Protein backbone atom coordinates (compact mmCIF):
# COMPACT_ATOMS: atom_id res chain seq x y z
CA MET A 1 170.15 -28.06 -142.74
CA PRO A 2 167.86 -30.84 -141.33
CA PRO A 3 168.47 -33.95 -139.91
CA SER A 4 168.27 -37.03 -141.82
CA PRO A 5 165.47 -39.37 -141.96
CA ARG A 6 165.56 -41.36 -139.02
CA PRO A 7 166.35 -44.94 -139.53
CA PRO A 8 163.19 -47.01 -138.69
CA LEU A 9 165.29 -50.06 -137.67
CA LEU A 10 167.09 -47.93 -135.47
CA ASP A 11 164.37 -47.23 -133.68
CA GLN A 12 162.77 -50.76 -133.70
CA VAL A 13 166.13 -52.06 -131.96
CA LEU A 14 166.47 -49.64 -129.48
CA GLN A 15 162.87 -50.58 -128.46
CA ALA A 16 163.43 -54.17 -128.50
CA VAL A 17 166.79 -54.25 -126.53
CA ALA A 18 166.11 -55.69 -123.25
CA ARG A 19 166.36 -53.27 -120.28
CA ARG A 20 167.52 -55.42 -117.61
CA TYR A 21 168.96 -52.68 -115.73
CA ARG A 22 165.96 -50.78 -115.04
CA LEU A 23 164.76 -49.85 -111.92
CA PRO A 24 160.92 -50.55 -110.86
CA ALA A 25 158.45 -47.53 -109.67
CA MET A 26 159.35 -47.04 -105.83
CA GLN A 27 155.70 -47.84 -104.59
CA ASP A 28 156.86 -51.48 -106.22
CA VAL A 29 159.43 -51.96 -103.74
CA ALA A 30 158.85 -49.77 -100.76
CA GLY A 31 157.40 -52.33 -98.66
CA SER A 32 160.07 -54.28 -99.46
CA ALA A 33 162.97 -52.16 -98.50
CA THR A 34 164.37 -53.44 -95.20
CA SER A 35 168.48 -52.08 -95.41
CA PRO A 36 169.15 -48.80 -94.01
CA ALA A 37 169.72 -47.54 -97.35
CA ALA A 38 166.91 -48.76 -99.14
CA ALA A 39 164.67 -46.96 -96.04
CA LEU A 40 166.66 -43.93 -96.50
CA ALA A 41 165.77 -43.88 -100.58
CA VAL A 42 162.07 -44.89 -99.90
CA THR A 43 161.71 -41.79 -97.43
CA ILE A 44 163.77 -39.40 -99.35
CA GLU A 45 161.54 -40.15 -102.48
CA HIS A 46 158.29 -39.82 -100.11
CA ALA A 47 159.85 -36.24 -99.04
CA ARG A 48 160.61 -35.45 -103.08
CA ASN A 49 156.54 -36.13 -103.85
CA ALA A 50 155.32 -34.41 -100.94
CA LEU A 51 157.51 -31.02 -101.88
CA GLU A 52 156.35 -31.54 -105.37
CA HIS A 53 152.97 -31.54 -103.94
CA ALA A 54 153.59 -28.13 -102.05
CA GLN A 55 153.13 -30.49 -99.06
CA ALA A 56 155.72 -30.23 -96.31
CA PRO A 57 156.59 -33.83 -95.34
CA ASP A 58 155.32 -34.71 -91.62
CA ALA A 59 157.24 -35.31 -88.57
CA ALA A 60 156.88 -38.91 -88.97
CA LEU A 61 158.87 -39.02 -92.13
CA GLN A 62 161.22 -36.77 -90.59
CA GLN A 63 161.89 -39.69 -88.22
CA ARG A 64 161.68 -42.32 -90.40
CA PHE A 65 164.70 -40.42 -91.69
CA ILE A 66 166.67 -39.98 -88.97
CA ASP A 67 166.55 -43.77 -87.91
CA ALA A 68 167.20 -44.93 -91.41
CA LEU A 69 170.25 -42.51 -91.51
CA ALA A 70 171.46 -43.59 -87.97
CA GLN A 71 171.66 -46.84 -89.07
CA LEU A 72 173.68 -46.54 -92.13
CA ILE A 73 175.92 -44.88 -90.54
CA ARG A 74 176.00 -47.77 -87.70
CA GLU A 75 176.50 -49.91 -90.37
CA ALA A 76 178.85 -48.21 -92.38
CA MET A 77 180.89 -48.14 -88.71
CA HIS A 78 180.53 -51.53 -87.97
CA ARG A 79 184.10 -52.58 -87.16
CA GLU A 80 184.09 -55.83 -89.36
CA HIS A 81 181.64 -55.70 -91.79
CA GLY A 82 181.53 -51.33 -92.12
CA ASP A 83 182.80 -49.28 -95.06
CA PRO A 84 186.60 -48.48 -94.26
CA ALA A 85 186.64 -45.61 -96.67
CA TYR A 86 184.26 -43.72 -94.35
CA GLN A 87 185.82 -45.14 -90.96
CA ALA A 88 189.27 -43.67 -92.46
CA ALA A 89 187.89 -40.40 -93.30
CA VAL A 90 185.72 -40.25 -89.73
CA LEU A 91 189.30 -41.12 -87.82
CA THR A 92 190.96 -38.47 -89.88
CA ARG A 93 188.53 -35.95 -88.80
CA SER A 94 188.72 -36.62 -85.27
CA ALA A 95 192.59 -37.28 -85.10
CA PRO A 96 195.64 -33.90 -85.18
CA ALA A 97 198.27 -36.58 -86.44
CA VAL A 98 195.65 -38.25 -89.02
CA GLN A 99 195.11 -34.82 -90.47
CA GLU A 100 198.52 -33.62 -90.59
CA TYR A 101 199.05 -36.90 -92.66
CA ALA A 102 196.07 -36.71 -94.69
CA THR A 103 197.74 -32.86 -95.79
CA LEU A 104 201.09 -34.03 -96.26
CA GLN A 105 199.83 -36.86 -98.37
CA THR A 106 198.58 -33.90 -100.76
CA HIS A 107 201.94 -33.23 -101.65
CA ARG A 108 203.18 -36.69 -101.78
CA GLU A 109 203.73 -36.88 -105.45
CA ARG A 110 205.14 -34.04 -105.97
CA ASP A 111 207.59 -33.86 -103.01
CA HIS A 112 208.82 -37.28 -104.08
CA ARG A 113 209.56 -35.60 -107.39
CA MET A 114 211.35 -32.97 -106.36
CA VAL A 115 213.61 -34.63 -103.79
CA ARG A 116 214.53 -37.23 -105.99
CA ALA A 117 215.52 -34.55 -108.87
CA GLY A 118 217.62 -32.92 -106.59
CA ALA A 119 219.43 -36.28 -104.95
CA ASN A 120 220.14 -36.94 -108.64
CA ALA A 121 221.40 -33.84 -109.29
CA ILE A 122 223.87 -34.68 -106.63
CA ALA A 123 224.35 -37.95 -106.77
CA HIS A 124 223.21 -39.81 -110.12
CA PRO A 125 226.03 -42.02 -111.44
CA ALA A 126 225.82 -40.47 -114.63
CA ARG A 127 226.26 -36.74 -113.25
CA ARG A 128 228.33 -37.08 -110.40
CA PRO A 129 232.24 -36.79 -111.36
CA PRO A 130 234.40 -39.60 -111.04
CA CYS A 131 236.19 -39.72 -108.01
CA ALA A 132 238.25 -42.20 -105.68
CA ALA A 133 236.63 -45.16 -103.42
CA GLY A 134 236.28 -43.83 -100.15
CA PRO A 135 233.50 -41.78 -97.51
CA GLY A 136 232.79 -39.12 -100.25
CA HIS A 137 231.76 -41.82 -103.10
CA ASP A 138 230.04 -43.86 -100.63
CA ALA A 139 228.19 -41.14 -99.42
CA LEU A 140 226.89 -40.30 -102.85
CA THR A 141 225.77 -43.80 -103.84
CA ARG A 142 224.07 -44.15 -100.63
CA LEU A 143 222.25 -40.79 -101.48
CA HIS A 144 220.99 -41.67 -104.52
CA THR A 145 219.73 -45.43 -103.45
CA GLN A 146 218.26 -43.84 -100.59
CA ALA A 147 216.27 -41.62 -103.11
CA LEU A 148 215.02 -43.91 -104.95
CA ALA A 149 213.98 -45.91 -101.86
CA GLY A 150 211.94 -43.39 -100.47
CA ASP A 151 214.20 -43.30 -97.13
CA TRP A 152 213.95 -39.83 -96.37
CA GLN A 153 215.40 -39.83 -92.85
CA GLY A 154 218.58 -41.75 -94.20
CA LEU A 155 218.85 -39.55 -97.09
CA ALA A 156 218.90 -36.31 -94.90
CA GLY A 157 221.17 -37.71 -93.11
CA THR A 158 223.80 -39.07 -95.81
CA ALA A 159 223.16 -35.57 -97.03
CA ARG A 160 224.22 -33.99 -93.86
CA GLN A 161 227.44 -36.30 -94.16
CA LEU A 162 228.44 -35.10 -97.57
CA GLN A 163 228.01 -31.61 -96.12
CA ALA A 164 230.55 -32.28 -93.47
CA LEU A 165 232.89 -33.88 -96.63
CA ALA A 166 232.26 -31.52 -99.13
CA PRO A 167 234.80 -28.56 -99.85
CA ALA A 168 233.34 -25.52 -97.87
CA GLY A 169 232.73 -22.16 -98.89
CA GLU A 170 229.32 -20.33 -100.77
CA GLY A 171 230.74 -21.35 -103.95
CA SER A 172 231.06 -24.76 -104.12
CA PRO A 173 228.20 -26.37 -106.11
CA LEU A 174 227.55 -29.67 -103.96
CA GLN A 175 227.49 -27.65 -100.98
CA ARG A 176 224.97 -25.29 -102.83
CA ASP A 177 222.77 -28.32 -103.80
CA LEU A 178 223.05 -30.01 -100.50
CA ALA A 179 221.49 -27.26 -98.81
CA ARG A 180 219.05 -26.78 -101.31
CA LEU A 181 217.95 -30.19 -100.74
CA LEU A 182 218.10 -30.20 -96.78
CA GLU A 183 216.74 -26.75 -96.02
CA GLY A 184 213.66 -27.27 -99.00
CA ALA A 185 210.63 -27.88 -97.66
CA PRO A 186 210.02 -30.89 -99.90
CA LEU A 187 212.10 -33.07 -97.96
CA ALA A 188 210.75 -32.11 -94.52
CA ARG A 189 207.20 -32.44 -95.43
CA LEU A 190 208.17 -36.39 -96.29
CA GLN A 191 210.71 -36.20 -93.44
CA ARG A 192 207.30 -35.46 -91.17
CA ALA A 193 205.16 -37.65 -93.12
CA ALA A 194 207.56 -40.56 -92.48
CA ALA A 195 207.88 -39.92 -89.01
CA LEU A 196 203.76 -39.75 -88.58
CA GLU A 197 203.52 -43.32 -89.58
CA SER A 198 204.39 -44.88 -86.62
CA ASP A 199 201.27 -43.34 -84.76
CA PRO A 200 198.59 -45.58 -83.93
CA GLN A 201 195.96 -43.45 -85.21
CA VAL A 202 197.66 -43.19 -88.51
CA GLN A 203 198.50 -46.76 -88.68
CA VAL A 204 194.65 -47.86 -88.29
CA VAL A 205 193.70 -45.45 -91.03
CA GLN A 206 196.72 -46.68 -93.19
CA ALA A 207 195.11 -50.11 -92.25
CA LEU A 208 191.48 -49.08 -93.14
CA ARG A 209 192.50 -47.72 -96.51
CA ASP A 210 194.63 -50.61 -97.30
CA ARG A 211 191.38 -52.63 -97.10
CA GLN A 212 190.07 -50.85 -99.96
CA GLY A 213 193.09 -51.41 -102.17
CA PRO A 214 196.42 -50.97 -103.06
CA ARG A 215 198.06 -47.36 -101.77
CA PRO A 216 198.83 -44.44 -104.66
CA GLY A 217 202.10 -44.81 -105.93
CA THR A 218 202.68 -48.22 -104.67
CA ALA A 219 204.23 -51.15 -107.46
CA ASP A 220 200.43 -52.84 -106.64
CA ALA A 221 198.40 -49.53 -107.29
CA ALA A 222 200.22 -49.14 -110.74
CA VAL A 223 199.23 -53.06 -111.48
CA TYR A 224 195.41 -52.55 -109.97
CA GLY A 225 195.31 -49.53 -112.41
CA ASP A 226 196.58 -51.11 -115.55
CA THR A 227 193.99 -53.69 -115.04
CA ALA A 228 191.26 -51.09 -114.59
CA GLN A 229 192.22 -49.70 -117.80
CA ARG A 230 192.46 -53.08 -119.58
CA ARG A 231 189.08 -53.67 -118.27
CA GLY A 232 187.75 -50.22 -119.60
CA ALA A 233 189.27 -50.88 -123.03
CA ALA A 234 187.73 -54.55 -123.37
CA MET A 235 183.98 -52.92 -122.58
CA GLU A 236 184.66 -50.32 -125.24
CA ALA A 237 185.98 -52.78 -127.63
CA SER A 238 182.80 -54.93 -126.97
CA ALA A 239 180.28 -52.26 -127.16
CA THR A 240 181.82 -50.63 -130.62
CA LYS A 241 181.66 -54.38 -132.07
CA ALA A 242 178.13 -54.19 -131.14
CA LEU A 243 177.42 -51.14 -132.46
CA GLU A 244 179.11 -51.96 -135.75
CA ALA A 245 176.96 -54.71 -136.39
CA LEU A 246 173.73 -52.43 -135.87
CA ALA A 247 175.96 -50.13 -138.84
CA ARG A 248 176.07 -52.89 -140.81
CA ARG A 249 172.68 -54.28 -140.77
CA LEU A 250 171.24 -50.23 -141.35
CA ASP A 251 173.40 -50.55 -144.57
CA ALA A 252 172.23 -53.62 -145.52
CA ALA A 253 168.34 -52.50 -144.69
CA GLN A 254 169.35 -49.18 -146.58
CA GLY A 255 170.97 -51.16 -149.93
CA GLU A 256 173.44 -48.47 -149.29
CA PRO A 257 176.78 -49.48 -148.13
CA GLY A 258 178.57 -47.59 -146.39
CA ALA A 259 176.15 -45.21 -145.28
CA TYR A 260 176.17 -45.75 -141.74
CA ARG A 261 179.72 -45.47 -139.61
CA VAL A 262 180.97 -45.93 -136.21
CA VAL A 263 183.51 -43.86 -134.77
CA THR A 264 185.30 -43.89 -131.24
CA SER A 265 186.91 -41.64 -129.04
CA MET A 266 185.11 -38.43 -130.89
CA ARG A 267 186.25 -35.34 -129.31
CA VAL A 268 184.06 -32.27 -129.42
CA PRO A 269 185.74 -29.10 -131.22
CA SER A 270 186.42 -25.88 -129.41
CA SER A 271 184.86 -24.32 -132.36
CA ILE A 272 181.01 -25.21 -130.94
CA PRO A 273 180.48 -22.21 -129.11
CA GLY A 274 178.63 -23.60 -125.81
CA SER A 275 180.11 -24.03 -122.48
CA ALA A 276 182.47 -27.06 -122.05
CA GLU A 277 182.88 -26.58 -118.39
CA ARG A 278 181.91 -30.07 -117.13
CA ALA A 279 180.70 -31.62 -119.82
CA LYS A 280 181.49 -34.92 -122.01
CA SER A 281 183.65 -33.11 -124.23
CA GLU A 282 184.67 -36.90 -125.71
CA TRP A 283 182.22 -39.61 -126.49
CA ASP A 284 183.28 -43.52 -126.70
CA ALA A 285 181.41 -45.01 -129.67
CA VAL A 286 179.15 -42.78 -132.05
CA LEU A 287 177.07 -44.13 -134.98
CA LEU A 288 176.71 -41.73 -138.03
CA ARG A 289 174.84 -41.65 -141.03
CA ARG A 290 176.12 -40.09 -144.24
CA ALA A 291 174.03 -36.97 -144.91
CA ALA A 292 176.02 -35.47 -148.31
CA HIS A 293 178.99 -34.06 -149.95
CA PRO A 294 179.82 -30.12 -149.35
CA GLY A 295 179.24 -28.68 -152.79
CA GLY A 296 182.94 -28.83 -154.51
CA SER A 297 184.38 -31.23 -151.96
CA ALA A 298 184.83 -34.83 -151.84
CA GLU A 299 184.41 -34.73 -148.02
CA PRO A 300 181.48 -36.44 -146.80
CA THR A 301 179.33 -35.12 -143.75
CA TRP A 302 177.78 -37.00 -141.32
CA ASP A 303 174.16 -36.63 -139.19
CA LEU A 304 174.66 -38.17 -135.36
CA CYS A 305 172.44 -41.17 -134.77
CA LEU A 306 173.32 -42.49 -131.58
CA LEU A 307 175.99 -41.91 -128.74
CA LEU A 308 177.24 -44.59 -126.82
CA GLU A 309 179.18 -44.88 -123.68
CA ALA A 310 180.87 -47.76 -122.11
CA LYS A 311 180.82 -48.27 -118.68
CA ALA A 312 182.52 -51.33 -116.51
CA SER A 313 179.99 -50.97 -113.73
CA VAL A 314 176.71 -50.17 -113.58
CA ASP A 315 177.05 -47.14 -111.01
CA ALA A 316 179.62 -45.59 -113.09
CA ALA A 317 176.90 -44.64 -115.25
CA THR A 318 175.07 -42.44 -112.55
CA THR A 319 178.21 -41.02 -111.66
CA ASP A 320 178.56 -39.70 -116.01
CA PHE A 321 175.02 -38.92 -116.01
CA ALA A 322 175.35 -34.79 -115.22
CA ARG A 323 178.34 -34.87 -117.60
CA LEU A 324 176.55 -36.31 -120.45
CA GLN A 325 173.72 -34.08 -120.01
CA ARG A 326 176.30 -31.11 -120.29
CA GLY A 327 178.02 -32.95 -122.97
CA ILE A 328 174.43 -32.66 -125.34
CA ARG A 329 173.68 -29.18 -124.45
CA LEU A 330 177.28 -28.42 -126.11
CA LEU A 331 176.52 -30.23 -129.30
CA ALA A 332 173.33 -28.76 -129.24
CA SER A 333 174.84 -25.31 -129.09
CA ALA A 334 176.14 -26.12 -132.57
CA ASP A 335 175.39 -23.57 -135.09
CA SER A 336 172.70 -24.76 -137.40
CA GLY A 337 174.77 -23.49 -140.69
CA ALA A 338 178.42 -24.97 -139.87
CA THR A 339 180.12 -27.99 -140.34
CA TYR A 340 182.48 -28.94 -137.61
CA SER A 341 185.28 -31.08 -138.00
CA PHE A 342 185.28 -33.74 -134.73
CA SER A 343 188.51 -35.85 -134.24
CA THR A 344 187.94 -39.57 -133.66
CA ARG A 345 190.48 -42.64 -133.59
CA GLN A 346 189.52 -43.15 -137.21
CA GLY A 347 190.40 -39.89 -138.31
CA ASP A 348 188.26 -36.55 -138.49
CA VAL A 349 184.74 -36.42 -139.84
CA LEU A 350 182.59 -33.65 -140.75
CA LEU A 351 179.10 -33.38 -138.82
CA ARG A 352 176.30 -30.99 -139.94
CA GLY A 353 175.51 -28.12 -137.59
CA GLY A 354 171.52 -28.47 -137.91
CA PRO A 355 170.87 -32.16 -136.26
CA LEU A 356 173.26 -31.27 -133.55
CA ASN A 357 171.50 -28.07 -132.91
CA ALA A 358 168.32 -29.78 -132.93
CA LEU A 359 169.81 -32.27 -130.15
CA ALA A 360 168.36 -29.05 -127.38
CA MET A 361 168.16 -31.44 -124.26
CA PRO A 362 165.06 -34.18 -125.00
CA GLY A 363 162.92 -35.69 -122.53
CA ASP A 364 163.17 -38.87 -121.69
CA ALA A 365 161.83 -40.62 -124.60
CA GLY A 366 164.25 -38.45 -126.54
CA LEU A 367 167.32 -39.57 -124.77
CA ALA A 368 166.84 -42.91 -125.04
CA GLY A 369 166.43 -42.92 -128.91
CA LEU A 370 169.93 -40.52 -128.63
CA VAL A 371 172.11 -42.23 -125.63
CA LEU A 372 172.62 -45.67 -125.00
CA TYR A 373 175.18 -46.82 -121.68
CA CYS A 374 176.29 -50.04 -122.63
CA THR A 375 178.23 -52.52 -119.90
CA ASP A 376 178.77 -55.95 -119.62
CA ALA A 377 178.53 -55.97 -115.60
CA PRO A 378 175.55 -58.19 -113.83
CA ALA A 379 172.36 -56.61 -112.80
CA PRO A 380 172.37 -56.57 -109.14
CA PRO A 381 169.71 -59.03 -107.53
CA VAL A 382 168.17 -56.92 -105.55
CA PRO A 383 167.93 -53.07 -106.66
CA HIS A 384 170.23 -50.57 -105.20
CA LEU A 385 167.63 -47.85 -104.75
CA LEU A 386 170.03 -45.37 -102.92
CA GLY A 387 172.92 -44.43 -105.56
CA ALA A 388 176.40 -44.30 -104.54
CA ALA A 389 176.88 -41.29 -104.44
CA SER A 390 173.99 -39.77 -102.60
CA ARG A 391 174.86 -42.68 -99.86
CA MET A 392 178.06 -40.81 -99.59
CA GLN A 393 176.77 -37.43 -99.52
CA LEU A 394 174.58 -38.29 -96.59
CA LEU A 395 177.27 -39.90 -94.87
CA GLY A 396 179.58 -37.31 -95.31
CA ALA A 397 177.49 -34.49 -94.15
CA PRO A 398 178.95 -32.69 -91.03
CA ARG A 399 176.24 -33.82 -88.50
CA SER A 400 176.67 -37.44 -89.78
CA MET A 401 180.60 -37.08 -89.31
CA ALA A 402 179.78 -35.90 -85.92
CA PHE A 403 177.46 -38.79 -85.16
CA ALA A 404 179.90 -41.05 -86.40
CA THR A 405 183.01 -39.34 -84.43
CA ALA A 406 180.75 -40.28 -81.40
CA LEU A 407 180.28 -43.84 -82.32
CA ALA A 408 183.92 -44.28 -82.80
CA GLN A 409 185.11 -42.79 -79.44
CA GLY A 410 182.14 -44.65 -77.72
CA ASP A 411 180.58 -41.84 -76.68
CA GLU A 412 176.66 -41.49 -76.67
CA ALA A 413 175.75 -40.62 -79.71
CA ASN A 414 172.67 -38.95 -79.90
CA ALA A 415 170.63 -39.21 -83.54
CA HIS A 416 168.78 -36.07 -82.75
CA GLY A 417 171.18 -34.17 -84.18
CA LEU A 418 170.87 -36.09 -87.75
CA GLN A 419 167.92 -33.66 -88.11
CA GLY A 420 169.81 -31.22 -89.39
CA VAL A 421 170.59 -33.51 -92.62
CA TRP A 422 166.94 -33.61 -93.07
CA GLN A 423 166.34 -30.04 -93.31
CA GLN A 424 169.36 -29.90 -95.79
CA LEU A 425 167.85 -32.20 -97.83
CA LEU A 426 164.35 -30.28 -98.10
CA GLN A 427 165.70 -26.85 -98.43
CA SER A 428 169.33 -26.68 -99.65
CA PRO A 429 170.08 -26.29 -103.60
CA GLU A 430 173.05 -28.90 -103.07
CA TRP A 431 171.12 -31.54 -101.75
CA THR A 432 168.62 -31.02 -105.04
CA PRO A 433 170.62 -34.09 -106.43
CA VAL A 434 170.18 -36.32 -103.33
CA LEU A 435 166.39 -35.42 -103.23
CA GLN A 436 166.04 -36.48 -106.96
CA GLN A 437 168.16 -39.31 -106.68
CA TYR A 438 165.78 -42.00 -107.51
CA PRO A 439 164.46 -40.86 -110.71
CA THR A 440 167.67 -39.84 -111.70
CA LEU A 441 168.55 -43.48 -111.33
CA GLN A 442 165.57 -44.69 -113.21
CA ARG A 443 166.34 -42.36 -116.01
CA VAL A 444 169.90 -43.81 -116.07
CA ARG A 445 168.95 -47.39 -115.43
CA ARG A 446 166.32 -47.01 -118.70
CA LEU A 447 169.41 -45.82 -120.80
CA MET A 448 171.69 -48.87 -119.98
CA VAL A 449 171.57 -52.14 -121.80
CA HIS A 450 174.16 -55.41 -121.62
CA VAL A 451 175.97 -55.81 -124.22
CA ASP A 452 174.97 -59.06 -124.94
CA ASP A 453 171.53 -58.01 -125.11
CA LEU A 454 172.35 -55.26 -127.68
CA CYS A 455 173.53 -57.60 -129.88
CA ALA A 456 170.64 -59.75 -129.45
CA ALA A 457 168.14 -57.05 -130.71
CA ILE A 458 170.01 -56.56 -134.13
CA PRO A 459 167.94 -58.68 -136.77
CA PRO A 460 170.18 -61.14 -138.27
């Protein structure tokens, strides 16, 4: 079941489309790398090259790394212009009250649901029995209002008042429900978190996190999430529109209407035998070419031509790349003699296993003919040589956090301890992605195109 011949026009378009996000060779920009992040990227790339040639990076390179990392941490810890997320993480590490508050926040959403459900079982207007006006009625109304408002201290006080007003005895359903509410761990955690919110260090962390955007669970966070979702959907729609224009042009070139089609949200079936762990299992938009009709079947089969992933930002593609590679390996595990049904927004489509099996992870040239990252984000005016994930791993290393903590506490911060991060970079498998970060960035950016450039590359 060999793949259908690849259309020459598709290769022409992919070769012609402008690659405005492409990164230069490191030697072309190393001399102008003045920021700490850029200096780190250059130093890491020198270390990687030395190791690839079986050479030990020298002491001078180590010192450049330590100096650049120390400066990156100082930059992140700057009171006015630094990184509030990193500053919050450093403070959380060193302050017991903040650590406790952060732990309590991991239960926050579940605790909210459980306490509100318990309060509703007691005091929701649709569930409580009718009763005359008076202290009991007022307390039930207040309990319901406090649960909605998240007033956990007030809710606990009202529940204890209801205990005093309710009929005594183990058989009383109201007493049983009130005891379950008051003695449960969820309410205790919510009360403790509310008490900790007055701690000065917790307030500093909250202020830092507010600078990053709305807090989770708030109305502002919901609006922010909806906006981001709409932005992502709009980006996916414009990328799909460009791919559909390409499909129509390929149809015209072949003189066969319907020979190509675009499907969106294509989900990989569980019948494909490879490992789906941490692999991309849903593809934003896929260009397919009609292959044949199976014997006796009116349903056409299709071959995969191009995978397109829409991204709202440039950095999002780099974060996604490892999942994408695993997703291609998953597709390539298809049985060459089988046909697979993929679900899409346009309905189920049958893809031949042979062409999928032939996808076995291609080199860079093959990948460039198979995958596009598509965005409408502007290209950075100055290339970002250090990826966001690598930056955070460097900043988040225990030795880096210790150095940052000393800075935050006004202690004498000795950068010598950062030598441990250098040793991890050279020796630990967990640091291989950082060591390889610039070649990875280059690979990803070669796959990225602006949606306008893709449209412009399609011949009329």
